[in-house]
C-alpha cells in the first residue's frame, strides 16, 4: 500500500488537531466496518469558516484526510466548503489506495455535518441542509451500489459484495443513516 508524500506529510504533521470550545457547528461520523471515527468542529464568522479543528480515531489515511479537509475548508464561505467532496479531498492528497477511499468520504461527510449543524443551530437563518440532500461519494457509480475493494458495480443495494464479500459503500452509508435515525 503506497501513500503519496502529501498523505504522509498530513499524517506525520496533521494540521488543525483539537476541539473548538463552544463551536458553532459539530460534525461526527464513523465507519462501523473499519472503526474510523472523525469529529470536526467549526467557528463561523461572516458566513466563513473562521476556525476548524478535528479529532480522529483511525488509520493514517483517516488522519491525513481530516487534516486535509480542515486545510481545504478554513477561510472558505460555507457554501464553498459544502462543495468539498471526497473526490476533491482524495485529489488534494495526491490519491489514496482503493481500500482507503472510504476515509475521504468520512472527512467530507464530517465537514458537511458540521456545517449542517451550524445552520440548524441558527434556527432558520441561512440555508439548512436537508437530510435528503445528496452527498457525492467516490464509490457510488451512477446511483448503484459499489464495492470499493474489488471495484464491482452491483445492480441492487446489498450489504456485502457478491464478488469479494467485503462491505459495500451503500451498506456503510445505510448503517450510518440508520444509526443517525436511532439517535433522534
N, C-alpha and C. Protein backbone atom coordinates (compact mmCIF):
# COMPACT_ATOMS: atom_id res chain seq x y z
N UNK A 1 0.85 -1.17 0.00
CA UNK A 1 0.00 0.00 0.00
C UNK A 1 0.90 1.24 0.00
N UNK A 2 0.88 1.98 -1.08
CA UNK A 2 1.74 3.15 -1.25
C UNK A 2 0.94 4.43 -1.04
N UNK A 3 1.41 5.27 -0.12
CA UNK A 3 0.78 6.57 0.13
C UNK A 3 1.62 7.67 -0.51
N UNK A 4 0.97 8.73 -0.95
CA UNK A 4 1.67 9.86 -1.54
C UNK A 4 2.43 10.62 -0.47
N UNK A 5 3.38 11.46 -0.89
CA UNK A 5 4.12 12.30 0.05
C UNK A 5 3.19 13.24 0.80
N UNK A 6 2.14 13.71 0.14
CA UNK A 6 1.19 14.63 0.78
C UNK A 6 0.43 13.90 1.90
N UNK A 7 -0.01 12.68 1.65
CA UNK A 7 -0.69 11.89 2.68
C UNK A 7 0.25 11.71 3.87
N UNK A 8 1.48 11.33 3.60
CA UNK A 8 2.44 11.09 4.69
C UNK A 8 2.71 12.37 5.49
N UNK A 9 2.79 13.49 4.80
CA UNK A 9 3.01 14.77 5.48
C UNK A 9 1.84 15.10 6.41
N UNK A 10 0.61 14.95 5.92
CA UNK A 10 -0.56 15.25 6.74
C UNK A 10 -0.75 14.23 7.86
N UNK A 11 -0.27 13.01 7.67
CA UNK A 11 -0.33 12.01 8.74
C UNK A 11 0.70 12.31 9.82
N UNK A 12 1.93 12.58 9.39
CA UNK A 12 3.01 12.83 10.36
C UNK A 12 2.91 14.18 11.04
N UNK A 13 2.38 15.18 10.34
CA UNK A 13 2.24 16.54 10.88
C UNK A 13 0.84 17.07 10.60
N UNK A 14 -0.16 16.48 11.25
CA UNK A 14 -1.53 16.90 10.96
C UNK A 14 -1.79 18.35 11.37
N UNK A 15 -2.59 19.04 10.57
CA UNK A 15 -2.94 20.43 10.84
C UNK A 15 -4.30 20.48 11.53
N UNK A 16 -4.50 21.49 12.37
CA UNK A 16 -5.80 21.80 12.97
C UNK A 16 -6.35 20.68 13.87
N UNK A 17 -5.47 20.01 14.59
CA UNK A 17 -5.89 18.96 15.51
C UNK A 17 -6.45 19.62 16.77
N UNK A 18 -7.53 19.08 17.29
CA UNK A 18 -8.09 19.57 18.54
C UNK A 18 -9.58 19.73 18.46
N UNK A 19 -10.10 20.46 19.42
CA UNK A 19 -11.54 20.68 19.51
C UNK A 19 -11.77 22.14 19.85
N UNK A 20 -12.67 22.78 19.14
CA UNK A 20 -13.03 24.17 19.42
C UNK A 20 -14.02 24.19 20.58
N UNK A 21 -13.71 24.98 21.59
CA UNK A 21 -14.65 25.15 22.70
C UNK A 21 -15.82 25.99 22.22
N UNK A 22 -17.01 25.61 22.59
CA UNK A 22 -18.23 26.31 22.16
C UNK A 22 -18.28 26.49 20.64
N UNK A 23 -18.22 25.40 19.89
CA UNK A 23 -18.22 25.52 18.43
C UNK A 23 -19.57 25.99 17.90
N UNK A 24 -19.55 26.56 16.72
CA UNK A 24 -20.79 26.94 16.04
C UNK A 24 -21.42 25.74 15.34
N UNK A 25 -20.62 24.72 15.05
CA UNK A 25 -21.11 23.51 14.41
C UNK A 25 -20.20 22.34 14.69
N UNK A 26 -20.79 21.15 14.82
CA UNK A 26 -20.03 19.93 15.07
C UNK A 26 -20.52 18.84 14.12
N UNK A 27 -19.58 18.14 13.51
CA UNK A 27 -19.92 17.01 12.64
C UNK A 27 -19.18 15.78 13.11
N UNK A 28 -19.93 14.73 13.41
CA UNK A 28 -19.33 13.47 13.84
C UNK A 28 -19.75 12.37 12.88
N UNK A 29 -18.78 11.62 12.41
CA UNK A 29 -19.06 10.48 11.53
C UNK A 29 -18.17 9.32 11.93
N UNK A 30 -18.59 8.14 11.56
CA UNK A 30 -17.79 6.95 11.83
C UNK A 30 -18.11 5.87 10.83
N UNK A 31 -17.20 4.95 10.70
CA UNK A 31 -17.37 3.81 9.83
C UNK A 31 -17.35 2.57 10.72
N UNK A 32 -18.51 1.92 10.89
CA UNK A 32 -18.56 0.76 11.78
C UNK A 32 -17.73 -0.42 11.30
N UNK A 33 -17.39 -0.44 10.03
CA UNK A 33 -16.62 -1.56 9.48
C UNK A 33 -15.15 -1.45 9.85
N UNK A 34 -14.54 -0.28 9.61
CA UNK A 34 -13.10 -0.13 9.86
C UNK A 34 -12.80 0.51 11.21
N UNK A 35 -13.81 1.11 11.85
CA UNK A 35 -13.62 1.70 13.17
C UNK A 35 -13.16 3.15 13.17
N UNK A 36 -12.97 3.76 12.00
CA UNK A 36 -12.56 5.17 11.96
C UNK A 36 -13.68 6.06 12.50
N UNK A 37 -13.30 7.03 13.33
CA UNK A 37 -14.24 8.00 13.89
C UNK A 37 -13.65 9.38 13.71
N UNK A 38 -14.45 10.34 13.19
CA UNK A 38 -13.99 11.71 12.98
C UNK A 38 -14.98 12.69 13.58
N UNK A 39 -14.44 13.72 14.22
CA UNK A 39 -15.25 14.83 14.70
C UNK A 39 -14.60 16.11 14.20
N UNK A 40 -15.40 16.95 13.55
CA UNK A 40 -14.93 18.25 13.09
C UNK A 40 -15.77 19.31 13.78
N UNK A 41 -15.11 20.32 14.34
CA UNK A 41 -15.80 21.46 14.95
C UNK A 41 -15.40 22.72 14.20
N UNK A 42 -16.38 23.63 14.06
CA UNK A 42 -16.13 24.87 13.30
C UNK A 42 -16.59 26.10 14.08
N UNK A 43 -15.91 27.21 13.82
CA UNK A 43 -16.34 28.54 14.23
C UNK A 43 -16.60 29.31 12.95
N UNK A 44 -17.73 30.00 12.89
CA UNK A 44 -18.13 30.71 11.69
C UNK A 44 -18.18 32.20 11.99
N UNK A 45 -17.62 32.99 11.07
CA UNK A 45 -17.67 34.45 11.17
C UNK A 45 -17.94 35.00 9.78
N UNK A 46 -18.95 35.84 9.67
CA UNK A 46 -19.32 36.44 8.38
C UNK A 46 -19.53 35.39 7.29
N UNK A 47 -20.21 34.31 7.65
CA UNK A 47 -20.55 33.23 6.72
C UNK A 47 -19.32 32.51 6.16
N UNK A 48 -18.20 32.58 6.89
CA UNK A 48 -16.97 31.87 6.52
C UNK A 48 -16.51 31.00 7.68
N UNK A 49 -15.81 29.94 7.35
CA UNK A 49 -15.23 29.10 8.40
C UNK A 49 -13.99 29.82 8.91
N UNK A 50 -14.13 30.40 10.09
CA UNK A 50 -13.07 31.19 10.69
C UNK A 50 -12.03 30.29 11.35
N UNK A 51 -12.50 29.20 11.97
CA UNK A 51 -11.60 28.24 12.60
C UNK A 51 -12.22 26.86 12.46
N UNK A 52 -11.38 25.86 12.37
CA UNK A 52 -11.82 24.48 12.20
C UNK A 52 -10.80 23.56 12.85
N UNK A 53 -11.29 22.57 13.58
CA UNK A 53 -10.43 21.59 14.25
C UNK A 53 -11.01 20.20 14.05
N UNK A 54 -10.16 19.19 14.23
CA UNK A 54 -10.64 17.81 14.13
C UNK A 54 -10.00 16.94 15.19
N UNK A 55 -10.73 15.91 15.55
CA UNK A 55 -10.23 14.80 16.35
C UNK A 55 -10.59 13.55 15.57
N UNK A 56 -9.61 12.70 15.32
CA UNK A 56 -9.84 11.48 14.56
C UNK A 56 -9.22 10.29 15.26
N UNK A 57 -10.00 9.23 15.35
CA UNK A 57 -9.51 7.95 15.82
C UNK A 57 -9.56 7.04 14.60
N UNK A 58 -8.39 6.66 14.12
CA UNK A 58 -8.38 5.81 12.93
C UNK A 58 -6.99 5.64 12.36
N UNK A 59 -6.96 5.16 11.15
CA UNK A 59 -5.70 4.85 10.47
C UNK A 59 -5.02 6.14 9.98
N UNK A 60 -3.82 5.99 9.45
CA UNK A 60 -3.06 7.13 8.94
C UNK A 60 -3.80 7.87 7.84
N UNK A 61 -4.49 7.14 6.97
CA UNK A 61 -5.24 7.79 5.89
C UNK A 61 -6.37 8.64 6.46
N UNK A 62 -7.05 8.15 7.49
CA UNK A 62 -8.15 8.91 8.12
C UNK A 62 -7.62 10.19 8.75
N UNK A 63 -6.47 10.12 9.38
CA UNK A 63 -5.87 11.31 9.99
C UNK A 63 -5.46 12.30 8.90
N UNK A 64 -4.83 11.82 7.84
CA UNK A 64 -4.43 12.69 6.73
C UNK A 64 -5.64 13.34 6.08
N UNK A 65 -6.71 12.59 5.89
CA UNK A 65 -7.93 13.13 5.30
C UNK A 65 -8.51 14.23 6.17
N UNK A 66 -8.59 14.00 7.48
CA UNK A 66 -9.12 15.01 8.40
C UNK A 66 -8.30 16.29 8.33
N UNK A 67 -6.99 16.14 8.33
CA UNK A 67 -6.09 17.29 8.25
C UNK A 67 -6.30 18.06 6.95
N UNK A 68 -6.38 17.34 5.84
CA UNK A 68 -6.56 17.98 4.53
C UNK A 68 -7.91 18.68 4.44
N UNK A 69 -8.97 18.04 4.93
CA UNK A 69 -10.31 18.65 4.88
C UNK A 69 -10.30 19.98 5.63
N UNK A 70 -9.67 20.01 6.78
CA UNK A 70 -9.66 21.26 7.56
C UNK A 70 -8.87 22.34 6.83
N UNK A 71 -7.78 21.96 6.20
CA UNK A 71 -6.99 22.93 5.43
C UNK A 71 -7.78 23.46 4.24
N UNK A 72 -8.51 22.58 3.57
CA UNK A 72 -9.29 22.98 2.40
C UNK A 72 -10.46 23.89 2.78
N UNK A 73 -11.04 23.68 3.95
CA UNK A 73 -12.24 24.42 4.36
C UNK A 73 -11.95 25.74 5.06
N UNK A 74 -10.81 25.84 5.73
CA UNK A 74 -10.51 27.03 6.53
C UNK A 74 -10.52 28.28 5.65
N UNK A 75 -11.33 29.29 6.10
CA UNK A 75 -11.41 30.55 5.40
C UNK A 75 -12.42 30.59 4.27
N UNK A 76 -12.98 29.43 3.92
CA UNK A 76 -13.95 29.38 2.83
C UNK A 76 -15.34 29.81 3.31
N UNK A 77 -16.13 30.36 2.37
CA UNK A 77 -17.54 30.61 2.64
C UNK A 77 -18.19 29.24 2.85
N UNK A 78 -19.25 29.22 3.64
CA UNK A 78 -19.90 27.95 3.95
C UNK A 78 -20.37 27.22 2.69
N UNK A 79 -20.94 27.95 1.75
CA UNK A 79 -21.41 27.30 0.52
C UNK A 79 -20.25 26.71 -0.28
N UNK A 80 -19.10 27.37 -0.27
CA UNK A 80 -17.91 26.82 -0.95
C UNK A 80 -17.45 25.55 -0.23
N UNK A 81 -17.44 25.59 1.10
CA UNK A 81 -16.99 24.44 1.88
C UNK A 81 -17.91 23.24 1.68
N UNK A 82 -19.20 23.50 1.45
CA UNK A 82 -20.14 22.39 1.21
C UNK A 82 -19.85 21.70 -0.12
N UNK A 83 -19.11 22.35 -0.98
CA UNK A 83 -18.77 21.76 -2.28
C UNK A 83 -17.52 20.88 -2.21
N UNK A 84 -16.86 20.86 -1.07
CA UNK A 84 -15.71 19.97 -0.90
C UNK A 84 -16.25 18.54 -0.86
N UNK A 85 -15.73 17.70 -1.73
CA UNK A 85 -16.21 16.32 -1.83
C UNK A 85 -15.08 15.35 -1.51
N UNK A 86 -15.47 14.12 -1.35
CA UNK A 86 -14.47 13.08 -1.14
C UNK A 86 -13.49 13.03 -2.30
N UNK A 87 -13.96 13.30 -3.50
CA UNK A 87 -13.09 13.28 -4.68
C UNK A 87 -12.05 14.39 -4.59
N UNK A 88 -12.47 15.61 -4.23
CA UNK A 88 -11.51 16.71 -4.15
C UNK A 88 -10.52 16.50 -3.01
N UNK A 89 -10.98 15.89 -1.93
CA UNK A 89 -10.07 15.60 -0.81
C UNK A 89 -9.01 14.59 -1.27
N UNK A 90 -9.46 13.51 -1.90
CA UNK A 90 -8.51 12.49 -2.37
C UNK A 90 -7.53 13.08 -3.39
N UNK A 91 -8.03 13.94 -4.29
CA UNK A 91 -7.15 14.56 -5.28
C UNK A 91 -6.11 15.45 -4.62
N UNK A 92 -6.52 16.25 -3.62
CA UNK A 92 -5.59 17.14 -2.93
C UNK A 92 -4.54 16.37 -2.15
N UNK A 93 -4.86 15.15 -1.77
CA UNK A 93 -3.89 14.30 -1.06
C UNK A 93 -2.98 13.55 -2.03
N UNK A 94 -3.18 13.73 -3.31
CA UNK A 94 -2.36 13.00 -4.28
C UNK A 94 -2.84 11.58 -4.47
N UNK A 95 -4.09 11.32 -4.12
CA UNK A 95 -4.67 9.99 -4.26
C UNK A 95 -4.59 9.18 -2.99
N UNK A 96 -5.43 8.18 -2.91
CA UNK A 96 -5.46 7.23 -1.80
C UNK A 96 -5.57 5.82 -2.37
N UNK A 97 -5.01 4.84 -1.69
CA UNK A 97 -5.22 3.46 -2.14
C UNK A 97 -6.71 3.14 -2.17
N UNK A 98 -7.12 2.27 -3.08
CA UNK A 98 -8.55 1.97 -3.26
C UNK A 98 -9.23 1.56 -1.96
N UNK A 99 -8.54 0.78 -1.14
CA UNK A 99 -9.17 0.32 0.09
C UNK A 99 -9.19 1.40 1.18
N UNK A 100 -8.70 2.59 0.89
CA UNK A 100 -8.73 3.70 1.84
C UNK A 100 -9.59 4.87 1.34
N UNK A 101 -10.22 4.73 0.18
CA UNK A 101 -11.03 5.81 -0.37
C UNK A 101 -12.21 6.16 0.54
N UNK A 102 -12.70 5.18 1.31
CA UNK A 102 -13.81 5.48 2.21
C UNK A 102 -13.44 6.53 3.25
N UNK A 103 -12.16 6.68 3.56
CA UNK A 103 -11.72 7.70 4.52
C UNK A 103 -12.03 9.11 4.01
N UNK A 104 -11.89 9.30 2.68
CA UNK A 104 -12.19 10.62 2.13
C UNK A 104 -13.68 10.92 2.23
N UNK A 105 -14.52 9.88 2.16
CA UNK A 105 -15.96 10.06 2.37
C UNK A 105 -16.21 10.58 3.78
N UNK A 106 -15.55 9.96 4.75
CA UNK A 106 -15.76 10.35 6.14
C UNK A 106 -15.36 11.81 6.37
N UNK A 107 -14.24 12.23 5.82
CA UNK A 107 -13.78 13.60 6.02
C UNK A 107 -14.75 14.63 5.47
N UNK A 108 -15.18 14.42 4.22
CA UNK A 108 -16.13 15.35 3.60
C UNK A 108 -17.47 15.31 4.34
N UNK A 109 -17.91 14.11 4.74
CA UNK A 109 -19.18 13.99 5.46
C UNK A 109 -19.13 14.70 6.81
N UNK A 110 -18.02 14.58 7.53
CA UNK A 110 -17.89 15.25 8.83
C UNK A 110 -17.96 16.77 8.66
N UNK A 111 -17.29 17.29 7.64
CA UNK A 111 -17.34 18.72 7.35
C UNK A 111 -18.77 19.14 7.03
N UNK A 112 -19.44 18.41 6.16
CA UNK A 112 -20.81 18.75 5.78
C UNK A 112 -21.75 18.71 6.98
N UNK A 113 -21.55 17.72 7.86
CA UNK A 113 -22.39 17.63 9.06
C UNK A 113 -22.13 18.80 9.99
N UNK A 114 -20.89 19.25 10.11
CA UNK A 114 -20.59 20.41 10.97
C UNK A 114 -21.28 21.67 10.43
N UNK A 115 -21.25 21.83 9.12
CA UNK A 115 -21.91 22.99 8.50
C UNK A 115 -23.42 22.88 8.65
N UNK A 116 -23.97 21.70 8.44
CA UNK A 116 -25.39 21.47 8.61
C UNK A 116 -25.81 21.76 10.06
N UNK A 117 -24.98 21.33 11.00
CA UNK A 117 -25.26 21.60 12.41
C UNK A 117 -25.25 23.10 12.69
N UNK A 118 -24.33 23.82 12.09
CA UNK A 118 -24.28 25.28 12.24
C UNK A 118 -25.60 25.90 11.77
N UNK A 119 -26.05 25.51 10.58
CA UNK A 119 -27.31 26.06 10.05
C UNK A 119 -28.49 25.70 10.97
N UNK A 120 -28.52 24.48 11.45
CA UNK A 120 -29.61 24.06 12.33
C UNK A 120 -29.62 24.89 13.62
N UNK A 121 -28.45 25.18 14.14
CA UNK A 121 -28.36 25.99 15.37
C UNK A 121 -28.82 27.43 15.13
N UNK A 122 -28.69 27.89 13.91
CA UNK A 122 -29.09 29.27 13.58
C UNK A 122 -30.61 29.42 13.48
N UNK A 123 -31.33 28.33 13.59
CA UNK A 123 -32.80 28.33 13.58
C UNK A 123 -33.40 29.15 12.44
N UNK A 124 -33.13 28.69 11.24
CA UNK A 124 -33.77 29.31 10.10
C UNK A 124 -32.96 30.39 9.42
N UNK A 125 -31.88 30.86 10.02
CA UNK A 125 -31.03 31.85 9.34
C UNK A 125 -30.11 31.08 8.40
N UNK A 126 -30.07 31.49 7.17
CA UNK A 126 -29.22 30.81 6.20
C UNK A 126 -29.90 29.59 5.65
N UNK A 127 -29.14 28.75 4.99
CA UNK A 127 -29.66 27.55 4.34
C UNK A 127 -29.41 26.36 5.23
N UNK A 128 -30.48 25.70 5.66
CA UNK A 128 -30.32 24.50 6.45
C UNK A 128 -30.33 23.30 5.51
N UNK A 129 -29.27 22.53 5.54
CA UNK A 129 -29.20 21.37 4.66
C UNK A 129 -30.23 20.33 5.11
N UNK A 130 -30.79 19.63 4.17
CA UNK A 130 -31.80 18.62 4.44
C UNK A 130 -31.12 17.26 4.54
N UNK A 131 -31.71 16.36 5.35
CA UNK A 131 -31.18 15.01 5.47
C UNK A 131 -31.18 14.30 4.12
N UNK A 132 -32.10 14.70 3.23
CA UNK A 132 -32.22 14.03 1.94
C UNK A 132 -31.24 14.59 0.92
N UNK A 133 -30.49 15.65 1.29
CA UNK A 133 -29.55 16.25 0.36
C UNK A 133 -28.47 15.24 0.01
N UNK A 134 -28.22 15.08 -1.27
CA UNK A 134 -27.28 14.06 -1.73
C UNK A 134 -25.83 14.52 -1.53
N UNK A 135 -25.03 13.64 -1.00
CA UNK A 135 -23.60 13.88 -0.84
C UNK A 135 -22.88 12.97 -1.82
N UNK A 136 -21.96 13.53 -2.60
CA UNK A 136 -21.23 12.74 -3.60
C UNK A 136 -20.29 11.76 -2.90
N UNK A 137 -20.31 10.52 -3.32
CA UNK A 137 -19.39 9.51 -2.79
C UNK A 137 -18.60 8.93 -3.94
N UNK A 138 -17.32 8.77 -3.72
CA UNK A 138 -16.43 8.30 -4.77
C UNK A 138 -16.77 6.88 -5.22
N UNK A 139 -17.34 6.06 -4.36
CA UNK A 139 -17.58 4.67 -4.70
C UNK A 139 -18.96 4.35 -5.20
N UNK A 140 -19.84 5.32 -5.28
CA UNK A 140 -21.17 5.05 -5.80
C UNK A 140 -21.18 5.47 -7.27
N UNK A 141 -21.44 4.54 -8.13
CA UNK A 141 -21.39 4.79 -9.56
C UNK A 141 -22.81 4.82 -10.14
N UNK A 142 -23.18 5.96 -10.68
CA UNK A 142 -24.48 6.12 -11.33
C UNK A 142 -25.61 5.63 -10.45
N UNK A 143 -25.53 5.94 -9.13
CA UNK A 143 -26.61 5.60 -8.21
C UNK A 143 -26.68 4.13 -7.82
N UNK A 144 -25.74 3.32 -8.29
CA UNK A 144 -25.76 1.89 -7.98
C UNK A 144 -24.83 1.59 -6.82
N UNK A 145 -25.11 0.50 -6.17
CA UNK A 145 -24.26 0.02 -5.09
C UNK A 145 -22.89 -0.34 -5.69
N UNK A 146 -21.83 -0.11 -4.93
CA UNK A 146 -20.48 -0.28 -5.47
C UNK A 146 -19.54 -0.78 -4.38
N UNK A 147 -18.66 -1.70 -4.72
CA UNK A 147 -17.65 -2.20 -3.79
C UNK A 147 -16.31 -1.52 -4.09
N UNK A 148 -15.77 -0.74 -3.13
CA UNK A 148 -14.51 -0.06 -3.37
C UNK A 148 -13.30 -0.99 -3.31
N UNK A 149 -13.48 -2.19 -2.79
CA UNK A 149 -12.36 -3.10 -2.63
C UNK A 149 -12.02 -3.84 -3.92
N UNK A 150 -13.04 -4.33 -4.62
CA UNK A 150 -12.78 -5.05 -5.86
C UNK A 150 -13.33 -4.33 -7.08
N UNK A 151 -13.82 -3.11 -6.88
CA UNK A 151 -14.35 -2.27 -7.95
C UNK A 151 -15.48 -2.93 -8.74
N UNK A 152 -16.38 -3.57 -8.02
CA UNK A 152 -17.51 -4.20 -8.66
C UNK A 152 -18.75 -3.35 -8.48
N UNK A 153 -19.43 -3.06 -9.58
CA UNK A 153 -20.72 -2.39 -9.53
C UNK A 153 -21.80 -3.45 -9.35
N UNK A 154 -22.71 -3.22 -8.42
CA UNK A 154 -23.75 -4.20 -8.14
C UNK A 154 -25.10 -3.65 -8.58
N UNK A 155 -25.95 -4.46 -9.20
CA UNK A 155 -27.21 -3.95 -9.73
C UNK A 155 -28.21 -3.54 -8.65
N UNK A 156 -28.11 -4.14 -7.47
CA UNK A 156 -29.03 -3.81 -6.38
C UNK A 156 -28.23 -3.56 -5.10
N UNK A 157 -28.77 -2.70 -4.20
CA UNK A 157 -28.10 -2.47 -2.92
C UNK A 157 -27.98 -3.77 -2.13
N UNK A 158 -26.80 -4.00 -1.62
CA UNK A 158 -26.53 -5.19 -0.82
C UNK A 158 -25.48 -4.85 0.22
N UNK A 159 -25.57 -5.41 1.41
CA UNK A 159 -24.59 -5.05 2.45
C UNK A 159 -23.18 -5.57 2.17
N UNK A 160 -23.08 -6.69 1.50
CA UNK A 160 -21.78 -7.28 1.21
C UNK A 160 -21.64 -7.51 -0.29
N UNK A 161 -20.43 -7.30 -0.78
CA UNK A 161 -20.16 -7.51 -2.20
C UNK A 161 -20.36 -8.99 -2.54
N UNK A 162 -21.04 -9.23 -3.64
CA UNK A 162 -21.27 -10.61 -4.07
C UNK A 162 -20.02 -11.24 -4.67
N UNK A 163 -19.03 -10.42 -4.98
CA UNK A 163 -17.79 -10.94 -5.58
C UNK A 163 -16.73 -11.25 -4.52
N UNK A 164 -16.46 -10.25 -3.61
CA UNK A 164 -15.36 -10.45 -2.65
C UNK A 164 -15.85 -10.60 -1.20
N UNK A 165 -17.12 -10.30 -0.94
CA UNK A 165 -17.67 -10.49 0.40
C UNK A 165 -17.43 -9.34 1.37
N UNK A 166 -16.75 -8.27 0.92
CA UNK A 166 -16.49 -7.13 1.80
C UNK A 166 -17.66 -6.15 1.76
N UNK A 167 -17.75 -5.24 2.76
CA UNK A 167 -18.87 -4.30 2.81
C UNK A 167 -18.87 -3.34 1.62
N UNK A 168 -20.06 -3.05 1.12
CA UNK A 168 -20.20 -2.09 0.03
C UNK A 168 -20.36 -0.69 0.61
N UNK A 169 -20.10 0.33 -0.19
CA UNK A 169 -20.29 1.70 0.27
C UNK A 169 -21.76 1.97 0.54
N UNK A 170 -22.65 1.34 -0.20
CA UNK A 170 -24.08 1.51 0.04
C UNK A 170 -24.43 1.04 1.44
N UNK A 171 -23.88 -0.09 1.88
CA UNK A 171 -24.21 -0.61 3.20
C UNK A 171 -23.63 0.27 4.30
N UNK A 172 -22.45 0.84 4.06
CA UNK A 172 -21.84 1.73 5.03
C UNK A 172 -22.69 2.98 5.18
N UNK A 173 -23.13 3.54 4.04
CA UNK A 173 -23.99 4.73 4.08
C UNK A 173 -25.31 4.41 4.77
N UNK A 174 -25.89 3.24 4.47
CA UNK A 174 -27.16 2.86 5.08
C UNK A 174 -27.01 2.69 6.59
N UNK A 175 -25.92 2.08 7.06
CA UNK A 175 -25.76 1.88 8.50
C UNK A 175 -25.55 3.20 9.21
N UNK A 176 -24.88 4.14 8.58
CA UNK A 176 -24.70 5.47 9.18
C UNK A 176 -26.03 6.20 9.28
N UNK A 177 -26.87 6.06 8.24
CA UNK A 177 -28.20 6.67 8.24
C UNK A 177 -29.07 6.05 9.32
N UNK A 178 -29.02 4.74 9.45
CA UNK A 178 -29.81 4.04 10.45
C UNK A 178 -29.39 4.46 11.86
N UNK A 179 -28.08 4.56 12.10
CA UNK A 179 -27.61 4.99 13.42
C UNK A 179 -28.07 6.41 13.72
N UNK A 180 -28.02 7.28 12.72
CA UNK A 180 -28.47 8.66 12.92
C UNK A 180 -29.95 8.73 13.23
N UNK A 181 -30.74 7.88 12.59
CA UNK A 181 -32.19 7.87 12.80
C UNK A 181 -32.52 7.35 14.20
N UNK A 182 -31.75 6.39 14.72
CA UNK A 182 -31.99 5.86 16.05
C UNK A 182 -31.70 6.88 17.14
N UNK A 183 -30.75 7.80 16.88
CA UNK A 183 -30.40 8.80 17.87
C UNK A 183 -31.50 9.83 18.05
N UNK A 184 -32.29 10.06 17.00
CA UNK A 184 -33.32 11.11 17.03
C UNK A 184 -34.50 10.74 17.86
